Amino acid sequence: MSDAGAARPTRGPRSDAARNRARVSAAADQVLAEQGLGATVGDIAARARVGNATVFRHFPTKADLLSEVAMRWLEDWRADLEQRLASDAAGTALRDLIAELFERLRENRLALDLFRAHEFDRLRQSRPPLDPFQVENLDHRVNESRRAVEALLTEALHRAIRDGLVAADVTYADFTVLVLGTAGRLSDMADAEPSRWRRHADFVWAAIAARRSDLP
């Protein structure tokens, strides 16, 4: 049989489904980073150039879609923090870590929304409610990963206090109020100017840094 007469390979339904799933997942990454928990499935479907039914075919619930995206971000940040804390100089790295945290929150509204919710049920109680993704049904691993990241940030803070770089009376609660309050306000103002976020990261460091009078 000649090459001309040979049957050409056709793209099967499985490859089409895999491609559509990847498109939806990539679109969700983009839209959730831009809009956070305020995004809708319709927004994501439009970005992926598919119908809402295609989204739900691959992600049966809104929470399934959010869980996949959130886990990717949280596990990436967790791995980065673990690598930093493996260094003997982890205590001295907190200032750089704060700057990187601000940059991550600037680029990803979903990350900010996840960390601003100390418990996910606060989203349901907020006015207006931030619950378009049925956060009560999120995969339990999302909350576990968020708590793991918070534990690593707490460890970094404690090491900086131990090394005399941060005032001894600073708590993790103080740290989160400063970081999330400042980042949240910048985000709510739709201020995405990187230099402004870096400036406010420096303000946070200045607020917690040990003064000479604090040192023994």
N, C-alpha and C. Protein backbone atom coordinates (compact mmCIF):
# COMPACT_ATOMS: atom_id res chain seq x y z
N MET A 1 0.86 -1.20 0.00
CA MET A 1 0.00 0.00 0.00
C MET A 1 0.88 1.23 0.00
N SER A 2 0.55 2.21 -0.83
CA SER A 2 1.35 3.42 -0.91
C SER A 2 1.09 4.31 0.29
N ASP A 3 2.05 5.23 0.52
CA ASP A 3 1.87 6.17 1.62
C ASP A 3 0.61 7.00 1.44
N ALA A 4 0.32 7.32 0.16
CA ALA A 4 -0.84 8.16 -0.10
C ALA A 4 -2.13 7.47 0.31
N GLY A 5 -2.10 6.11 0.23
CA GLY A 5 -3.33 5.40 0.57
C GLY A 5 -3.43 5.03 2.02
N ALA A 6 -2.35 5.26 2.77
CA ALA A 6 -2.37 4.90 4.18
C ALA A 6 -3.31 5.81 4.96
N ALA A 7 -3.97 5.22 5.92
CA ALA A 7 -4.89 6.01 6.74
C ALA A 7 -4.11 6.96 7.63
N ARG A 8 -4.55 8.18 7.69
CA ARG A 8 -3.90 9.16 8.55
C ARG A 8 -4.37 8.99 9.99
N PRO A 9 -3.45 9.10 10.94
CA PRO A 9 -3.88 8.98 12.34
C PRO A 9 -4.83 10.10 12.70
N THR A 10 -5.84 9.76 13.43
CA THR A 10 -6.81 10.76 13.86
C THR A 10 -6.67 11.00 15.35
N ARG A 11 -7.05 12.18 15.74
CA ARG A 11 -6.98 12.53 17.15
C ARG A 11 -8.20 11.95 17.85
N GLY A 12 -7.97 11.10 18.82
CA GLY A 12 -9.07 10.42 19.49
C GLY A 12 -9.71 11.27 20.56
N PRO A 13 -10.84 10.81 21.07
CA PRO A 13 -11.55 11.57 22.11
C PRO A 13 -10.74 11.74 23.38
N ARG A 14 -9.87 10.75 23.68
CA ARG A 14 -9.09 10.87 24.91
C ARG A 14 -8.10 12.03 24.83
N SER A 15 -7.45 12.18 23.66
CA SER A 15 -6.50 13.28 23.52
C SER A 15 -7.22 14.62 23.55
N ASP A 16 -8.41 14.68 22.96
CA ASP A 16 -9.20 15.91 23.01
C ASP A 16 -9.57 16.25 24.45
N ALA A 17 -9.97 15.24 25.20
CA ALA A 17 -10.36 15.46 26.60
C ALA A 17 -9.17 15.94 27.42
N ALA A 18 -8.01 15.32 27.20
CA ALA A 18 -6.82 15.72 27.95
C ALA A 18 -6.43 17.15 27.62
N ARG A 19 -6.55 17.50 26.33
CA ARG A 19 -6.21 18.86 25.93
C ARG A 19 -7.17 19.88 26.55
N ASN A 20 -8.46 19.55 26.54
CA ASN A 20 -9.44 20.46 27.13
C ASN A 20 -9.24 20.62 28.63
N ARG A 21 -8.91 19.51 29.29
CA ARG A 21 -8.69 19.60 30.74
C ARG A 21 -7.49 20.49 31.04
N ALA A 22 -6.43 20.34 30.25
CA ALA A 22 -5.24 21.17 30.45
C ALA A 22 -5.57 22.64 30.20
N ARG A 23 -6.40 22.91 29.19
CA ARG A 23 -6.78 24.30 28.90
C ARG A 23 -7.58 24.90 30.04
N VAL A 24 -8.51 24.12 30.58
CA VAL A 24 -9.32 24.61 31.70
C VAL A 24 -8.44 24.86 32.92
N SER A 25 -7.54 23.93 33.20
CA SER A 25 -6.67 24.07 34.36
C SER A 25 -5.77 25.30 34.23
N ALA A 26 -5.20 25.50 33.05
CA ALA A 26 -4.34 26.66 32.82
C ALA A 26 -5.13 27.96 32.92
N ALA A 27 -6.34 27.95 32.38
CA ALA A 27 -7.19 29.15 32.46
C ALA A 27 -7.55 29.45 33.91
N ALA A 28 -7.81 28.40 34.68
CA ALA A 28 -8.15 28.58 36.10
C ALA A 28 -6.98 29.21 36.84
N ASP A 29 -5.76 28.76 36.54
CA ASP A 29 -4.57 29.36 37.16
C ASP A 29 -4.56 30.87 36.92
N GLN A 30 -4.79 31.26 35.68
CA GLN A 30 -4.73 32.68 35.31
C GLN A 30 -5.85 33.49 35.95
N VAL A 31 -7.08 33.00 35.81
CA VAL A 31 -8.24 33.76 36.28
C VAL A 31 -8.26 33.87 37.80
N LEU A 32 -7.95 32.77 38.48
CA LEU A 32 -7.95 32.81 39.94
C LEU A 32 -6.82 33.68 40.48
N ALA A 33 -5.68 33.69 39.78
CA ALA A 33 -4.60 34.58 40.19
C ALA A 33 -5.02 36.04 40.05
N GLU A 34 -5.81 36.34 39.02
CA GLU A 34 -6.25 37.71 38.79
C GLU A 34 -7.40 38.12 39.70
N GLN A 35 -8.36 37.22 39.92
CA GLN A 35 -9.60 37.58 40.60
C GLN A 35 -9.78 36.94 41.96
N GLY A 36 -8.99 35.93 42.27
CA GLY A 36 -9.16 35.24 43.53
C GLY A 36 -10.48 34.50 43.60
N LEU A 37 -11.01 34.38 44.81
CA LEU A 37 -12.23 33.61 45.02
C LEU A 37 -13.46 34.29 44.42
N GLY A 38 -13.31 35.52 43.95
CA GLY A 38 -14.43 36.19 43.31
C GLY A 38 -14.66 35.74 41.88
N ALA A 39 -13.75 34.94 41.33
CA ALA A 39 -13.90 34.46 39.95
C ALA A 39 -15.05 33.45 39.86
N THR A 40 -15.59 33.32 38.67
CA THR A 40 -16.67 32.36 38.44
C THR A 40 -16.22 31.31 37.43
N VAL A 41 -16.96 30.21 37.39
CA VAL A 41 -16.68 29.18 36.39
C VAL A 41 -16.83 29.75 34.99
N GLY A 42 -17.80 30.65 34.82
CA GLY A 42 -17.98 31.29 33.52
C GLY A 42 -16.75 32.07 33.08
N ASP A 43 -16.11 32.76 34.03
CA ASP A 43 -14.88 33.49 33.72
C ASP A 43 -13.80 32.53 33.23
N ILE A 44 -13.68 31.40 33.91
CA ILE A 44 -12.64 30.43 33.56
C ILE A 44 -12.95 29.77 32.23
N ALA A 45 -14.21 29.42 32.01
CA ALA A 45 -14.60 28.81 30.74
C ALA A 45 -14.33 29.75 29.58
N ALA A 46 -14.63 31.03 29.77
CA ALA A 46 -14.39 32.01 28.70
C ALA A 46 -12.90 32.12 28.39
N ARG A 47 -12.06 32.12 29.43
CA ARG A 47 -10.62 32.21 29.21
C ARG A 47 -10.09 30.97 28.48
N ALA A 48 -10.66 29.81 28.81
CA ALA A 48 -10.24 28.56 28.18
C ALA A 48 -10.88 28.36 26.80
N ARG A 49 -11.87 29.20 26.49
CA ARG A 49 -12.61 29.10 25.23
C ARG A 49 -13.34 27.76 25.12
N VAL A 50 -13.98 27.42 26.21
CA VAL A 50 -14.82 26.23 26.24
C VAL A 50 -16.13 26.61 26.92
N GLY A 51 -17.10 25.73 26.87
CA GLY A 51 -18.35 25.98 27.55
C GLY A 51 -18.28 25.58 29.01
N ASN A 52 -19.23 26.08 29.80
CA ASN A 52 -19.27 25.71 31.22
C ASN A 52 -19.38 24.20 31.39
N ALA A 53 -20.12 23.55 30.48
CA ALA A 53 -20.30 22.10 30.59
C ALA A 53 -18.97 21.37 30.47
N THR A 54 -18.07 21.89 29.64
CA THR A 54 -16.75 21.26 29.51
C THR A 54 -15.96 21.38 30.80
N VAL A 55 -16.07 22.53 31.46
CA VAL A 55 -15.39 22.70 32.75
C VAL A 55 -15.89 21.66 33.74
N PHE A 56 -17.22 21.54 33.85
CA PHE A 56 -17.79 20.62 34.82
C PHE A 56 -17.57 19.15 34.45
N ARG A 57 -17.32 18.89 33.17
CA ARG A 57 -17.02 17.52 32.77
C ARG A 57 -15.70 17.05 33.38
N HIS A 58 -14.77 17.96 33.51
CA HIS A 58 -13.46 17.62 34.05
C HIS A 58 -13.35 17.91 35.55
N PHE A 59 -14.12 18.87 36.02
CA PHE A 59 -14.11 19.24 37.44
C PHE A 59 -15.57 19.28 37.89
N PRO A 60 -16.07 18.19 38.45
CA PRO A 60 -17.51 18.07 38.75
C PRO A 60 -18.08 19.19 39.61
N THR A 61 -17.25 19.77 40.48
CA THR A 61 -17.72 20.89 41.30
C THR A 61 -16.73 22.05 41.20
N LYS A 62 -17.20 23.21 41.55
CA LYS A 62 -16.32 24.38 41.57
C LYS A 62 -15.18 24.17 42.56
N ALA A 63 -15.49 23.51 43.67
CA ALA A 63 -14.47 23.27 44.68
C ALA A 63 -13.36 22.37 44.15
N ASP A 64 -13.69 21.42 43.28
CA ASP A 64 -12.66 20.55 42.70
C ASP A 64 -11.66 21.37 41.89
N LEU A 65 -12.16 22.32 41.13
CA LEU A 65 -11.30 23.16 40.31
C LEU A 65 -10.42 24.04 41.19
N LEU A 66 -11.02 24.67 42.18
CA LEU A 66 -10.26 25.53 43.08
C LEU A 66 -9.21 24.73 43.83
N SER A 67 -9.57 23.52 44.26
CA SER A 67 -8.62 22.69 45.01
C SER A 67 -7.38 22.38 44.19
N GLU A 68 -7.57 22.04 42.93
CA GLU A 68 -6.41 21.70 42.09
C GLU A 68 -5.47 22.89 41.95
N VAL A 69 -6.03 24.06 41.69
CA VAL A 69 -5.20 25.25 41.51
C VAL A 69 -4.52 25.64 42.83
N ALA A 70 -5.29 25.63 43.91
CA ALA A 70 -4.74 26.02 45.21
C ALA A 70 -3.62 25.08 45.64
N MET A 71 -3.79 23.79 45.41
CA MET A 71 -2.76 22.83 45.80
C MET A 71 -1.46 23.08 45.05
N ARG A 72 -1.54 23.42 43.78
CA ARG A 72 -0.33 23.69 43.01
C ARG A 72 0.44 24.85 43.62
N TRP A 73 -0.28 25.93 43.93
CA TRP A 73 0.38 27.11 44.47
C TRP A 73 0.95 26.82 45.86
N LEU A 74 0.15 26.21 46.71
CA LEU A 74 0.58 25.97 48.08
C LEU A 74 1.77 25.02 48.15
N GLU A 75 1.76 23.98 47.35
CA GLU A 75 2.86 23.02 47.38
C GLU A 75 4.15 23.64 46.83
N ASP A 76 4.03 24.52 45.85
CA ASP A 76 5.21 25.21 45.34
C ASP A 76 5.81 26.11 46.42
N TRP A 77 4.97 26.84 47.11
CA TRP A 77 5.44 27.74 48.18
C TRP A 77 5.99 26.93 49.35
N ARG A 78 5.34 25.82 49.65
CA ARG A 78 5.81 24.96 50.73
C ARG A 78 7.22 24.43 50.44
N ALA A 79 7.44 23.96 49.21
CA ALA A 79 8.76 23.44 48.83
C ALA A 79 9.82 24.53 48.93
N ASP A 80 9.47 25.74 48.52
CA ASP A 80 10.42 26.85 48.58
C ASP A 80 10.78 27.17 50.03
N LEU A 81 9.78 27.19 50.90
CA LEU A 81 10.04 27.49 52.31
C LEU A 81 10.87 26.39 52.97
N GLU A 82 10.58 25.15 52.64
CA GLU A 82 11.36 24.05 53.22
C GLU A 82 12.82 24.14 52.81
N GLN A 83 13.06 24.53 51.57
CA GLN A 83 14.44 24.69 51.10
C GLN A 83 15.13 25.83 51.85
N ARG A 84 14.42 26.92 52.06
CA ARG A 84 15.00 28.05 52.79
C ARG A 84 15.34 27.66 54.23
N LEU A 85 14.42 26.94 54.87
CA LEU A 85 14.63 26.59 56.27
C LEU A 85 15.70 25.51 56.44
N ALA A 86 16.04 24.82 55.37
CA ALA A 86 17.11 23.83 55.45
C ALA A 86 18.47 24.49 55.55
N SER A 87 18.53 25.79 55.24
CA SER A 87 19.78 26.53 55.29
C SER A 87 20.07 26.98 56.72
N ASP A 88 21.34 26.96 57.08
CA ASP A 88 21.74 27.43 58.41
C ASP A 88 21.47 28.91 58.59
N ALA A 89 21.37 29.63 57.47
CA ALA A 89 21.17 31.08 57.53
C ALA A 89 19.69 31.45 57.46
N ALA A 90 18.82 30.48 57.77
CA ALA A 90 17.38 30.72 57.62
C ALA A 90 16.91 31.94 58.40
N GLY A 91 17.47 32.15 59.59
CA GLY A 91 17.05 33.28 60.40
C GLY A 91 17.32 34.61 59.73
N THR A 92 18.45 34.70 59.05
CA THR A 92 18.82 35.96 58.40
C THR A 92 18.07 36.17 57.09
N ALA A 93 17.34 35.16 56.63
CA ALA A 93 16.67 35.26 55.34
C ALA A 93 15.25 35.78 55.44
N LEU A 94 14.76 36.08 56.66
CA LEU A 94 13.36 36.44 56.81
C LEU A 94 13.01 37.70 56.03
N ARG A 95 13.91 38.67 56.00
CA ARG A 95 13.60 39.91 55.27
C ARG A 95 13.37 39.61 53.78
N ASP A 96 14.23 38.78 53.19
CA ASP A 96 14.04 38.40 51.79
C ASP A 96 12.77 37.58 51.61
N LEU A 97 12.46 36.75 52.60
CA LEU A 97 11.26 35.94 52.53
C LEU A 97 10.01 36.82 52.53
N ILE A 98 10.01 37.87 53.33
CA ILE A 98 8.88 38.79 53.37
C ILE A 98 8.70 39.45 52.00
N ALA A 99 9.80 39.87 51.40
CA ALA A 99 9.72 40.50 50.08
C ALA A 99 9.16 39.52 49.05
N GLU A 100 9.60 38.26 49.12
CA GLU A 100 9.09 37.27 48.17
C GLU A 100 7.62 36.97 48.43
N LEU A 101 7.24 36.92 49.70
CA LEU A 101 5.84 36.68 50.04
C LEU A 101 4.95 37.79 49.48
N PHE A 102 5.38 39.03 49.62
CA PHE A 102 4.61 40.14 49.06
C PHE A 102 4.50 40.02 47.54
N GLU A 103 5.58 39.60 46.89
CA GLU A 103 5.54 39.45 45.44
C GLU A 103 4.58 38.34 45.03
N ARG A 104 4.58 37.23 45.76
CA ARG A 104 3.66 36.15 45.46
C ARG A 104 2.21 36.60 45.65
N LEU A 105 1.95 37.33 46.71
CA LEU A 105 0.59 37.80 46.96
C LEU A 105 0.18 38.86 45.94
N ARG A 106 1.13 39.64 45.48
CA ARG A 106 0.82 40.64 44.44
C ARG A 106 0.40 39.95 43.15
N GLU A 107 1.06 38.87 42.82
CA GLU A 107 0.81 38.18 41.56
C GLU A 107 -0.38 37.23 41.62
N ASN A 108 -0.83 36.89 42.82
CA ASN A 108 -1.82 35.82 42.94
C ASN A 108 -2.87 36.17 43.98
N ARG A 109 -4.01 36.67 43.51
CA ARG A 109 -5.09 37.05 44.42
C ARG A 109 -5.66 35.83 45.15
N LEU A 110 -5.65 34.68 44.50
CA LEU A 110 -6.14 33.47 45.16
C LEU A 110 -5.31 33.18 46.41
N ALA A 111 -3.99 33.29 46.30
CA ALA A 111 -3.13 33.04 47.45
C ALA A 111 -3.48 33.98 48.60
N LEU A 112 -3.70 35.24 48.26
CA LEU A 112 -4.05 36.22 49.29
C LEU A 112 -5.38 35.86 49.94
N ASP A 113 -6.37 35.49 49.14
CA ASP A 113 -7.68 35.12 49.69
C ASP A 113 -7.57 33.90 50.60
N LEU A 114 -6.76 32.92 50.21
CA LEU A 114 -6.62 31.72 51.02
C LEU A 114 -6.00 32.03 52.38
N PHE A 115 -5.00 32.89 52.40
CA PHE A 115 -4.34 33.20 53.66
C PHE A 115 -5.12 34.20 54.50
N ARG A 116 -5.95 35.01 53.86
CA ARG A 116 -6.75 35.95 54.64
C ARG A 116 -7.87 35.22 55.38
N ALA A 117 -8.24 34.05 54.91
CA ALA A 117 -9.27 33.26 55.58
C ALA A 117 -8.60 32.36 56.60
N HIS A 118 -8.59 32.78 57.86
CA HIS A 118 -7.95 31.96 58.89
C HIS A 118 -8.61 30.60 58.95
N GLU A 119 -9.90 30.58 58.79
CA GLU A 119 -10.65 29.35 58.62
C GLU A 119 -11.55 29.57 57.42
N PHE A 120 -11.73 28.56 56.60
CA PHE A 120 -12.48 28.74 55.37
C PHE A 120 -13.93 29.15 55.62
N ASP A 121 -14.48 28.81 56.79
CA ASP A 121 -15.88 29.17 57.01
C ASP A 121 -16.05 30.67 57.18
N ARG A 122 -14.95 31.41 57.39
CA ARG A 122 -15.06 32.87 57.45
C ARG A 122 -15.51 33.43 56.11
N LEU A 123 -15.17 32.74 55.04
CA LEU A 123 -15.57 33.21 53.72
C LEU A 123 -17.08 33.18 53.59
N ARG A 124 -17.71 32.19 54.17
CA ARG A 124 -19.16 32.10 54.08
C ARG A 124 -19.84 33.16 54.93
N GLN A 125 -19.14 33.64 55.97
CA GLN A 125 -19.73 34.61 56.88
C GLN A 125 -19.49 36.05 56.44
N SER A 126 -18.58 36.24 55.46
CA SER A 126 -18.23 37.59 55.05
C SER A 126 -19.38 38.24 54.29
N ARG A 127 -19.37 39.55 54.24
CA ARG A 127 -20.39 40.31 53.52
C ARG A 127 -19.71 41.29 52.58
N PRO A 128 -19.85 41.12 51.24
CA PRO A 128 -20.61 40.05 50.60
C PRO A 128 -19.87 38.72 50.72
N PRO A 129 -20.60 37.61 50.68
CA PRO A 129 -19.95 36.31 50.87
C PRO A 129 -18.97 36.01 49.75
N LEU A 130 -17.79 35.51 50.11
CA LEU A 130 -16.78 35.12 49.13
C LEU A 130 -16.84 33.62 48.94
N ASP A 131 -17.98 33.12 48.48
CA ASP A 131 -18.13 31.68 48.44
C ASP A 131 -18.62 31.16 47.09
N PRO A 132 -18.17 31.70 45.96
CA PRO A 132 -18.64 31.18 44.68
C PRO A 132 -18.08 29.80 44.38
N PHE A 133 -17.03 29.39 45.10
CA PHE A 133 -16.41 28.10 44.84
C PHE A 133 -16.73 27.07 45.91
N GLN A 134 -17.79 27.29 46.68
CA GLN A 134 -18.22 26.31 47.68
C GLN A 134 -17.04 25.88 48.55
N VAL A 135 -16.40 26.85 49.19
CA VAL A 135 -15.15 26.55 49.89
C VAL A 135 -15.31 25.54 51.01
N GLU A 136 -16.55 25.34 51.49
CA GLU A 136 -16.72 24.33 52.53
C GLU A 136 -16.46 22.92 51.99
N ASN A 137 -16.46 22.77 50.66
CA ASN A 137 -16.24 21.46 50.05
C ASN A 137 -14.83 21.30 49.48
N LEU A 138 -13.94 22.22 49.79
CA LEU A 138 -12.57 22.09 49.28
C LEU A 138 -11.94 20.81 49.78
N ASP A 139 -11.07 20.27 48.95
CA ASP A 139 -10.29 19.10 49.34
C ASP A 139 -9.57 19.42 50.65
N HIS A 140 -9.66 18.51 51.61
CA HIS A 140 -9.04 18.76 52.92
C HIS A 140 -7.54 19.00 52.81
N ARG A 141 -6.93 18.53 51.72
CA ARG A 141 -5.49 18.73 51.56
C ARG A 141 -5.14 20.20 51.37
N VAL A 142 -6.07 20.99 50.85
CA VAL A 142 -5.80 22.42 50.67
C VAL A 142 -5.60 23.08 52.03
N ASN A 143 -6.50 22.80 52.95
CA ASN A 143 -6.37 23.39 54.28
C ASN A 143 -5.13 22.87 54.98
N GLU A 144 -4.82 21.59 54.80
CA GLU A 144 -3.62 21.02 55.41
C GLU A 144 -2.36 21.68 54.85
N SER A 145 -2.33 21.89 53.54
CA SER A 145 -1.16 22.53 52.92
C SER A 145 -1.02 23.97 53.37
N ARG A 146 -2.15 24.66 53.49
CA ARG A 146 -2.10 26.05 53.96
C ARG A 146 -1.54 26.10 55.37
N ARG A 147 -1.98 25.19 56.22
CA ARG A 147 -1.48 25.16 57.59
C ARG A 147 0.01 24.80 57.62
N ALA A 148 0.44 23.93 56.71
CA ALA A 148 1.86 23.57 56.64
C ALA A 148 2.70 24.78 56.26
N VAL A 149 2.21 25.57 55.31
CA VAL A 149 2.92 26.79 54.92
C VAL A 149 2.98 27.76 56.09
N GLU A 150 1.87 27.91 56.81
CA GLU A 150 1.85 28.80 57.96
C GLU A 150 2.83 28.32 59.03
N ALA A 151 2.94 27.01 59.22
CA ALA A 151 3.89 26.47 60.20
C ALA A 151 5.33 26.79 59.81
N LEU A 152 5.62 26.72 58.52
CA LEU A 152 6.97 27.04 58.05
C LEU A 152 7.28 28.53 58.21
N LEU A 153 6.29 29.37 57.93
CA LEU A 153 6.48 30.81 58.13
C LEU A 153 6.70 31.11 59.62
N THR A 154 5.96 30.41 60.47
CA THR A 154 6.13 30.59 61.91
C THR A 154 7.54 30.20 62.34
N GLU A 155 8.04 29.09 61.80
CA GLU A 155 9.39 28.65 62.12
C GLU A 155 10.43 29.67 61.67
N ALA A 156 10.24 30.24 60.48
CA ALA A 156 11.17 31.26 59.99
C ALA A 156 11.17 32.48 60.91
N LEU A 157 9.98 32.86 61.37
CA LEU A 157 9.88 34.00 62.29
C LEU A 157 10.59 33.69 63.61
N HIS A 158 10.37 32.51 64.15
CA HIS A 158 10.99 32.14 65.42
C HIS A 158 12.52 32.11 65.31
N ARG A 159 13.02 31.66 64.18
CA ARG A 159 14.48 31.64 64.00
C ARG A 159 15.04 33.05 63.94
N ALA A 160 14.31 33.95 63.28
CA ALA A 160 14.77 35.33 63.21
C ALA A 160 14.76 35.98 64.59
N ILE A 161 13.77 35.64 65.41
CA ILE A 161 13.74 36.14 66.78
C ILE A 161 14.90 35.56 67.57
N ARG A 162 15.13 34.27 67.40
CA ARG A 162 16.24 33.60 68.09
C ARG A 162 17.58 34.24 67.75
N ASP A 163 17.73 34.64 66.48
CA ASP A 163 19.00 35.23 66.04
C ASP A 163 19.10 36.72 66.32
N GLY A 164 18.10 37.27 67.02
CA GLY A 164 18.15 38.67 67.40
C GLY A 164 17.83 39.65 66.29
N LEU A 165 17.21 39.17 65.21
CA LEU A 165 16.89 40.04 64.08
C LEU A 165 15.50 40.64 64.16
N VAL A 166 14.63 39.98 64.91
CA VAL A 166 13.25 40.43 65.06
C VAL A 166 12.98 40.60 66.55
N ALA A 167 12.19 41.60 66.89
CA ALA A 167 11.87 41.88 68.29
C ALA A 167 11.28 40.64 68.96
N ALA A 168 11.68 40.40 70.19
CA ALA A 168 11.33 39.16 70.88
C ALA A 168 9.83 39.02 71.14
N ASP A 169 9.10 40.13 71.19
CA ASP A 169 7.68 40.04 71.51
C ASP A 169 6.78 39.94 70.27
N VAL A 170 7.37 39.84 69.08
CA VAL A 170 6.57 39.71 67.86
C VAL A 170 6.02 38.30 67.76
N THR A 171 4.73 38.18 67.52
CA THR A 171 4.09 36.87 67.38
C THR A 171 3.73 36.63 65.92
N TYR A 172 3.39 35.38 65.62
CA TYR A 172 2.96 35.08 64.25
C TYR A 172 1.67 35.84 63.92
N ALA A 173 0.81 36.02 64.91
CA ALA A 173 -0.41 36.79 64.68
C ALA A 173 -0.07 38.23 64.29
N ASP A 174 0.92 38.82 64.97
CA ASP A 174 1.37 40.17 64.60
C ASP A 174 1.85 40.18 63.15
N PHE A 175 2.63 39.18 62.82
CA PHE A 175 3.22 39.08 61.48
C PHE A 175 2.13 39.00 60.41
N THR A 176 1.12 38.16 60.64
CA THR A 176 0.07 38.00 59.63
C THR A 176 -0.80 39.25 59.51
N VAL A 177 -1.05 39.92 60.63
CA VAL A 177 -1.82 41.17 60.56
C VAL A 177 -1.09 42.19 59.68
N LEU A 178 0.21 42.31 59.88
CA LEU A 178 1.00 43.26 59.10
C LEU A 178 1.05 42.88 57.63
N VAL A 179 1.36 41.61 57.36
CA VAL A 179 1.53 41.17 55.97
C VAL A 179 0.19 41.16 55.23
N LEU A 180 -0.79 40.45 55.79
CA LEU A 180 -2.05 40.28 55.08
C LEU A 180 -2.88 41.56 55.09
N GLY A 181 -2.79 42.33 56.16
CA GLY A 181 -3.50 43.60 56.17
C GLY A 181 -2.97 44.55 55.12
N THR A 182 -1.64 44.63 55.03
CA THR A 182 -1.03 45.53 54.04
C THR A 182 -1.26 45.02 52.62
N ALA A 183 -0.99 43.73 52.39
CA ALA A 183 -1.18 43.17 51.05
C ALA A 183 -2.64 43.21 50.64
N GLY A 184 -3.53 42.94 51.58
CA GLY A 184 -4.95 42.99 51.27
C GLY A 184 -5.40 44.37 50.86
N ARG A 185 -4.90 45.38 51.56
CA ARG A 185 -5.28 46.75 51.22
C ARG A 185 -4.75 47.14 49.84
N LEU A 186 -3.51 46.79 49.55
CA LEU A 186 -2.94 47.08 48.23
C LEU A 186 -3.74 46.39 47.14
N SER A 187 -4.11 45.13 47.38
CA SER A 187 -4.88 44.39 46.39
C SER A 187 -6.27 44.97 46.21
N ASP A 188 -6.92 45.34 47.31
CA ASP A 188 -8.26 45.92 47.23
C ASP A 188 -8.25 47.25 46.47
N MET A 189 -7.11 47.94 46.53
CA MET A 189 -6.97 49.20 45.81
C MET A 189 -6.58 48.97 44.35
N ALA A 190 -6.45 47.69 43.96
CA ALA A 190 -6.03 47.33 42.60
C ALA A 190 -4.68 47.96 42.26
N ASP A 191 -3.82 48.00 43.26
CA ASP A 191 -2.48 48.57 43.08
C ASP A 191 -1.51 47.43 42.82
N ALA A 192 -1.11 47.25 41.58
CA ALA A 192 -0.21 46.15 41.21
C ALA A 192 1.20 46.63 40.92
N GLU A 193 1.52 47.85 41.27
CA GLU A 193 2.85 48.39 41.00
C GLU A 193 3.89 47.66 41.87
N PRO A 194 4.81 46.91 41.26
CA PRO A 194 5.77 46.11 42.05
C PRO A 194 6.57 46.91 43.06
N SER A 195 7.00 48.12 42.67
CA SER A 195 7.84 48.91 43.58
C SER A 195 7.07 49.30 44.84
N ARG A 196 5.76 49.51 44.71
CA ARG A 196 4.97 49.88 45.88
C ARG A 196 4.84 48.69 46.83
N TRP A 197 4.67 47.50 46.28
CA TRP A 197 4.60 46.30 47.12
C TRP A 197 5.93 46.06 47.81
N ARG A 198 7.04 46.26 47.10
CA ARG A 198 8.36 46.09 47.72
C ARG A 198 8.55 47.09 48.85
N ARG A 199 8.09 48.31 48.63
CA ARG A 199 8.21 49.36 49.65
C ARG A 199 7.45 48.96 50.92
N HIS A 200 6.25 48.42 50.74
CA HIS A 200 5.46 48.04 51.91
C HIS A 200 6.00 46.77 52.56
N ALA A 201 6.65 45.92 51.79
CA ALA A 201 7.34 44.78 52.41
C ALA A 201 8.44 45.28 53.33
N ASP A 202 9.14 46.32 52.91
CA ASP A 202 10.18 46.93 53.75
C ASP A 202 9.57 47.53 55.01
N PHE A 203 8.37 48.11 54.88
CA PHE A 203 7.70 48.67 56.06
C PHE A 203 7.39 47.57 57.08
N VAL A 204 6.95 46.41 56.58
CA VAL A 204 6.64 45.30 57.48
C VAL A 204 7.91 44.85 58.21
N TRP A 205 9.00 44.74 57.46
CA TRP A 205 10.25 44.35 58.11
C TRP A 205 10.66 45.38 59.17
N ALA A 206 10.54 46.65 58.84
CA ALA A 206 10.91 47.70 59.79
C ALA A 206 10.06 47.62 61.06
N ALA A 207 8.80 47.21 60.90
CA ALA A 207 7.90 47.16 62.05
C ALA A 207 8.25 46.04 63.01
N ILE A 208 8.84 44.95 62.51
CA ILE A 208 9.12 43.81 63.39
C ILE A 208 10.60 43.67 63.74
N ALA A 209 11.46 44.39 63.03
CA ALA A 209 12.90 44.24 63.25
C ALA A 209 13.28 44.65 64.67
N ALA A 210 14.25 43.94 65.23
CA ALA A 210 14.73 44.26 66.58
C ALA A 210 15.45 45.60 66.58
N ARG A 211 15.19 46.40 67.61
CA ARG A 211 15.92 47.65 67.81
C ARG A 211 17.11 47.37 68.72
N ARG A 212 18.05 48.26 68.73
CA ARG A 212 19.20 48.07 69.61
C ARG A 212 18.78 47.94 71.07
N SER A 213 17.73 48.66 71.44
CA SER A 213 17.27 48.60 72.83
C SER A 213 16.65 47.25 73.17
N ASP A 214 16.27 46.48 72.09
CA ASP A 214 15.68 45.16 72.33
C ASP A 214 16.74 44.10 72.59
N LEU A 215 17.97 44.38 72.16
CA LEU A 215 19.02 43.37 72.24
C LEU A 215 19.54 43.25 73.67
N PRO A 216 19.93 42.03 74.06
CA PRO A 216 20.44 41.84 75.43
C PRO A 216 21.76 42.56 75.64
